[in-house]
């Protein structure tokens, strides 16, 4: 089911890196957190338990592949995984590279900034985004995941 009042149903929600029949990987345009990705279930559901067990497995495997690609390319000190949906009640997972010098670390990225990351550091991380996108696609192709046409 698609709901036109839901922003993740009516819009992509970011730049599509990979799209399967059931879910999509998006790169979120977040200037303070380059590499921030979302793995979004394509159909409008609110919770993991709305999915069949095999669908939950598919979705979590997608999240894990994005995490692995992010660790390999972005070299963060930590990865944050979150499925909140309080503001957008459409099932999606946030995959966020965290660094000791990011603006909110060690608090969640939605917390008040405690510092400002040096612009040169943000630029270095932003330069890695094409490699991150390519690594995400490579990992899904390795496991035989077919990409859907847009």
C-alpha atoms as a PDB file:
ATOM      1  CA  UNK A   1       0.000   0.000   0.000  1.00  0.00           C
ATOM      2  CA  UNK A   2       1.189   3.517  -0.847  1.00  0.00           C
ATOM      3  CA  UNK A   3      -0.047   6.471   1.196  1.00  0.00           C
ATOM      4  CA  UNK A   4       0.052   9.881  -0.442  1.00  0.00           C
ATOM      5  CA  UNK A   5       0.198  11.610   2.962  1.00  0.00           C
ATOM      6  CA  UNK A   6       3.469   9.794   3.778  1.00  0.00           C
ATOM      7  CA  UNK A   7       6.695  11.466   2.657  1.00  0.00           C
ATOM      8  CA  UNK A   8       8.498   8.123   2.186  1.00  0.00           C
ATOM      9  CA  UNK A   9       5.630   6.866   0.000  1.00  0.00           C
ATOM     10  CA  UNK A  10       5.198  10.045  -2.058  1.00  0.00           C
ATOM     11  CA  UNK A  11       8.917  10.964  -2.310  1.00  0.00           C
ATOM     12  CA  UNK A  12      12.144   8.991  -2.590  1.00  0.00           C
ATOM     13  CA  UNK A  13      13.471  10.348   0.726  1.00  0.00           C
ATOM     14  CA  UNK A  14      17.010  10.921  -0.548  1.00  0.00           C
ATOM     15  CA  UNK A  15      19.248   9.922  -3.437  1.00  0.00           C
ATOM     16  CA  UNK A  16      18.529   6.316  -4.397  1.00  0.00           C
ATOM     17  CA  UNK A  17      21.724   4.253  -4.291  1.00  0.00           C
ATOM     18  CA  UNK A  18      20.088   0.850  -4.737  1.00  0.00           C
ATOM     19  CA  UNK A  19      16.481  -0.226  -5.136  1.00  0.00           C
ATOM     20  CA  UNK A  20      15.133  -3.740  -4.879  1.00  0.00           C
ATOM     21  CA  UNK A  21      11.546  -4.878  -5.259  1.00  0.00           C
ATOM     22  CA  UNK A  22      10.935  -4.610  -1.501  1.00  0.00           C
ATOM     23  CA  UNK A  23      13.287  -1.884  -0.190  1.00  0.00           C
ATOM     24  CA  UNK A  24      15.598   0.923  -1.246  1.00  0.00           C
ATOM     25  CA  UNK A  25      18.853   2.404   0.025  1.00  0.00           C
ATOM     26  CA  UNK A  26      18.999   6.169   0.115  1.00  0.00           C
ATOM     27  CA  UNK A  27      21.847   8.556   0.705  1.00  0.00           C
ATOM     28  CA  UNK A  28      20.539  11.416   2.830  1.00  0.00           C
ATOM     29  CA  UNK A  29      21.796  14.919   2.091  1.00  0.00           C
ATOM     30  CA  UNK A  30      23.058  15.816   5.572  1.00  0.00           C
ATOM     31  CA  UNK A  31      25.908  18.314   5.411  1.00  0.00           C
ATOM     32  CA  UNK A  32      27.070  17.511   8.952  1.00  0.00           C
ATOM     33  CA  UNK A  33      26.947  13.719   8.535  1.00  0.00           C
ATOM     34  CA  UNK A  34      28.191  12.683   5.081  1.00  0.00           C
ATOM     35  CA  UNK A  35      27.294   9.110   4.267  1.00  0.00           C
ATOM     36  CA  UNK A  36      24.075   9.058   6.300  1.00  0.00           C
ATOM     37  CA  UNK A  37      21.916   6.386   4.656  1.00  0.00           C
ATOM     38  CA  UNK A  38      18.386   5.095   5.071  1.00  0.00           C
ATOM     39  CA  UNK A  39      17.109   1.659   4.169  1.00  0.00           C
ATOM     40  CA  UNK A  40      13.408   2.144   3.451  1.00  0.00           C
ATOM     41  CA  UNK A  41      10.748  -0.539   3.026  1.00  0.00           C
ATOM     42  CA  UNK A  42       8.963   0.379  -0.216  1.00  0.00           C
ATOM     43  CA  UNK A  43       5.451  -0.531   0.923  1.00  0.00           C
ATOM     44  CA  UNK A  44       3.897   1.615   3.646  1.00  0.00           C
ATOM     45  CA  UNK A  45       4.112  -0.259   6.923  1.00  0.00           C
ATOM     46  CA  UNK A  46       4.942   1.162  10.324  1.00  0.00           C
ATOM     47  CA  UNK A  47       6.711  -1.563  12.256  1.00  0.00           C
ATOM     48  CA  UNK A  48       9.059  -4.500  11.738  1.00  0.00           C
ATOM     49  CA  UNK A  49       6.334  -6.863  12.968  1.00  0.00           C
ATOM     50  CA  UNK A  50       4.100  -5.727  10.085  1.00  0.00           C
ATOM     51  CA  UNK A  51       6.460  -7.706   7.835  1.00  0.00           C
ATOM     52  CA  UNK A  52       6.547 -11.436   7.341  1.00  0.00           C
ATOM     53  CA  UNK A  53       9.561 -13.108   9.014  1.00  0.00           C
ATOM     54  CA  UNK A  54      11.383 -13.607   5.691  1.00  0.00           C
ATOM     55  CA  UNK A  55      10.797  -9.921   4.837  1.00  0.00           C
ATOM     56  CA  UNK A  56      12.260  -8.835   8.173  1.00  0.00           C
ATOM     57  CA  UNK A  57      15.325 -10.911   7.370  1.00  0.00           C
ATOM     58  CA  UNK A  58      15.621  -9.332   3.910  1.00  0.00           C
ATOM     59  CA  UNK A  59      15.381  -5.834   5.352  1.00  0.00           C
ATOM     60  CA  UNK A  60      17.906  -6.443   8.116  1.00  0.00           C
ATOM     61  CA  UNK A  61      20.348  -8.050   5.693  1.00  0.00           C
ATOM     62  CA  UNK A  62      20.086  -4.903   3.578  1.00  0.00           C
ATOM     63  CA  UNK A  63      20.838  -2.780   6.654  1.00  0.00           C
ATOM     64  CA  UNK A  64      23.857  -4.957   7.461  1.00  0.00           C
ATOM     65  CA  UNK A  65      25.224  -4.665   3.914  1.00  0.00           C
ATOM     66  CA  UNK A  66      24.931  -0.875   4.067  1.00  0.00           C
ATOM     67  CA  UNK A  67      26.651  -0.872   7.461  1.00  0.00           C
ATOM     68  CA  UNK A  68      29.500  -3.032   6.144  1.00  0.00           C
ATOM     69  CA  UNK A  69      29.965  -0.794   3.089  1.00  0.00           C
ATOM     70  CA  UNK A  70      29.944   2.291   5.302  1.00  0.00           C
ATOM     71  CA  UNK A  71      32.547   0.826   7.651  1.00  0.00           C
ATOM     72  CA  UNK A  72      34.792  -0.138   4.734  1.00  0.00           C
ATOM     73  CA  UNK A  73      34.646   3.229   2.947  1.00  0.00           C
ATOM     74  CA  UNK A  74      33.926   5.875   5.577  1.00  0.00           C
ATOM     75  CA  UNK A  75      36.068   4.362   8.387  1.00  0.00           C
ATOM     76  CA  UNK A  76      33.927   5.700  11.253  1.00  0.00           C
ATOM     77  CA  UNK A  77      34.656   5.036  14.907  1.00  0.00           C
ATOM     78  CA  UNK A  78      31.035   3.834  15.330  1.00  0.00           C
ATOM     79  CA  UNK A  79      27.919   3.073  13.287  1.00  0.00           C
ATOM     80  CA  UNK A  80      24.524   4.064  14.631  1.00  0.00           C
ATOM     81  CA  UNK A  81      21.509   2.035  13.516  1.00  0.00           C
ATOM     82  CA  UNK A  82      18.074   3.390  14.328  1.00  0.00           C
ATOM     83  CA  UNK A  83      14.505   2.646  13.360  1.00  0.00           C
ATOM     84  CA  UNK A  84      12.471   5.376  14.974  1.00  0.00           C
ATOM     85  CA  UNK A  85       9.578   6.440  12.781  1.00  0.00           C
ATOM     86  CA  UNK A  86       8.193   8.904  15.311  1.00  0.00           C
ATOM     87  CA  UNK A  87       8.103  11.737  12.771  1.00  0.00           C
ATOM     88  CA  UNK A  88       7.665   9.570   9.650  1.00  0.00           C
ATOM     89  CA  UNK A  89       5.761   6.386  10.584  1.00  0.00           C
ATOM     90  CA  UNK A  90       6.977   4.464   7.520  1.00  0.00           C
ATOM     91  CA  UNK A  91       9.367   1.595   8.219  1.00  0.00           C
ATOM     92  CA  UNK A  92      12.949   2.676   7.614  1.00  0.00           C
ATOM     93  CA  UNK A  93      16.362   2.225   9.202  1.00  0.00           C
ATOM     94  CA  UNK A  94      18.957   4.951   9.618  1.00  0.00           C
ATOM     95  CA  UNK A  95      22.578   3.884   9.085  1.00  0.00           C
ATOM     96  CA  UNK A  96      24.863   6.645  10.310  1.00  0.00           C
ATOM     97  CA  UNK A  97      28.655   6.855  10.380  1.00  0.00           C
ATOM     98  CA  UNK A  98      29.818   8.450  13.617  1.00  0.00           C
ATOM     99  CA  UNK A  99      33.117  10.064  14.455  1.00  0.00           C
ATOM    100  CA  UNK A 100      34.512  11.430  17.709  1.00  0.00           C
ATOM    101  CA  UNK A 101      34.708  14.871  16.070  1.00  0.00           C
ATOM    102  CA  UNK A 102      31.171  14.978  14.698  1.00  0.00           C
ATOM    103  CA  UNK A 103      28.984  17.776  15.998  1.00  0.00           C
ATOM    104  CA  UNK A 104      26.905  15.736  18.450  1.00  0.00           C
ATOM    105  CA  UNK A 105      29.137  12.775  19.343  1.00  0.00           C
ATOM    106  CA  UNK A 106      28.602  10.798  21.541  1.00  0.00           C
ATOM    107  CA  UNK A 107      24.928  11.870  21.615  1.00  0.00           C
ATOM    108  CA  UNK A 108      22.548  10.983  18.748  1.00  0.00           C
ATOM    109  CA  UNK A 109      22.866  13.144  15.638  1.00  0.00           C
ATOM    110  CA  UNK A 110      19.509  14.716  16.449  1.00  0.00           C
ATOM    111  CA  UNK A 111      20.878  16.166  19.711  1.00  0.00           C
ATOM    112  CA  UNK A 112      22.128  19.728  20.093  1.00  0.00           C
ATOM    113  CA  UNK A 113      25.576  20.179  18.580  1.00  0.00           C
ATOM    114  CA  UNK A 114      28.409  20.149  21.090  1.00  0.00           C
ATOM    115  CA  UNK A 115      31.076  21.294  18.617  1.00  0.00           C
ATOM    116  CA  UNK A 116      31.600  22.107  14.957  1.00  0.00           C
ATOM    117  CA  UNK A 117      33.426  19.615  12.777  1.00  0.00           C
ATOM    118  CA  UNK A 118      36.208  21.224  10.766  1.00  0.00           C
ATOM    119  CA  UNK A 119      34.997  21.999   7.219  1.00  0.00           C
ATOM    120  CA  UNK A 120      38.050  20.273   5.709  1.00  0.00           C
ATOM    121  CA  UNK A 121      37.132  17.060   7.551  1.00  0.00           C
ATOM    122  CA  UNK A 122      33.533  17.263   6.290  1.00  0.00           C
ATOM    123  CA  UNK A 123      34.899  17.832   2.764  1.00  0.00           C
ATOM    124  CA  UNK A 124      37.135  14.731   3.043  1.00  0.00           C
ATOM    125  CA  UNK A 125      34.181  12.612   4.151  1.00  0.00           C
ATOM    126  CA  UNK A 126      31.892  14.074   1.480  1.00  0.00           C
ATOM    127  CA  UNK A 127      34.478  13.172  -1.172  1.00  0.00           C
ATOM    128  CA  UNK A 128      34.035   9.505  -0.177  1.00  0.00           C
ATOM    129  CA  UNK A 129      30.306   9.440  -1.027  1.00  0.00           C
ATOM    130  CA  UNK A 130      30.698   8.194  -4.632  1.00  0.00           C
ATOM    131  CA  UNK A 131      32.877   5.352  -3.313  1.00  0.00           C
ATOM    132  CA  UNK A 132      30.292   4.561  -0.639  1.00  0.00           C
ATOM    133  CA  UNK A 133      27.509   4.379  -3.214  1.00  0.00           C
ATOM    134  CA  UNK A 134      29.597   2.117  -5.444  1.00  0.00           C
ATOM    135  CA  UNK A 135      30.504  -0.135  -2.500  1.00  0.00           C
ATOM    136  CA  UNK A 136      26.856  -0.482  -1.478  1.00  0.00           C
ATOM    137  CA  UNK A 137      25.905  -1.535  -5.009  1.00  0.00           C
ATOM    138  CA  UNK A 138      28.900  -3.904  -5.233  1.00  0.00           C
ATOM    139  CA  UNK A 139      27.931  -5.676  -2.012  1.00  0.00           C
ATOM    140  CA  UNK A 140      24.341  -6.218  -3.125  1.00  0.00           C
ATOM    141  CA  UNK A 141      25.482  -7.558  -6.481  1.00  0.00           C
ATOM    142  CA  UNK A 142      27.869  -9.954  -4.713  1.00  0.00           C
ATOM    143  CA  UNK A 143      24.941 -11.552  -2.893  1.00  0.00           C
ATOM    144  CA  UNK A 144      22.889 -11.718  -6.099  1.00  0.00           C
ATOM    145  CA  UNK A 145      20.460  -8.932  -5.226  1.00  0.00           C
ATOM    146  CA  UNK A 146      18.831  -7.578  -8.387  1.00  0.00           C
ATOM    147  CA  UNK A 147      18.429  -3.841  -8.731  1.00  0.00           C
ATOM    148  CA  UNK A 148      15.001  -2.674  -9.878  1.00  0.00           C
ATOM    149  CA  UNK A 149      14.657  -0.035 -12.573  1.00  0.00           C
ATOM    150  CA  UNK A 150      13.560   3.342 -11.333  1.00  0.00           C
END
